[in-house]
């Protein structure tokens, strides 16, 4: 038994290791794809307007007022 209190892991076959690596790669690819979609949606101004139309209209009025009052 190793000193950390956990039982020693049995050696796995190369085929089992390859299968686990492929499974991990697939999970990672899925996670990266989901993250890309979330980042793209968060950076897309059209989705912001679709989710919060009143806030966006209010912000546009405020920016217009600020730009108009600068003179």
Foldseek 3Di string as FASTA:
>chain_A
DDPVPDDDDDDDDPVVVVVVVVVVVVVVVVVVVVVVVVVVLVPDVVNVCVVPVVVVVVVVVVVVVVVVPPD
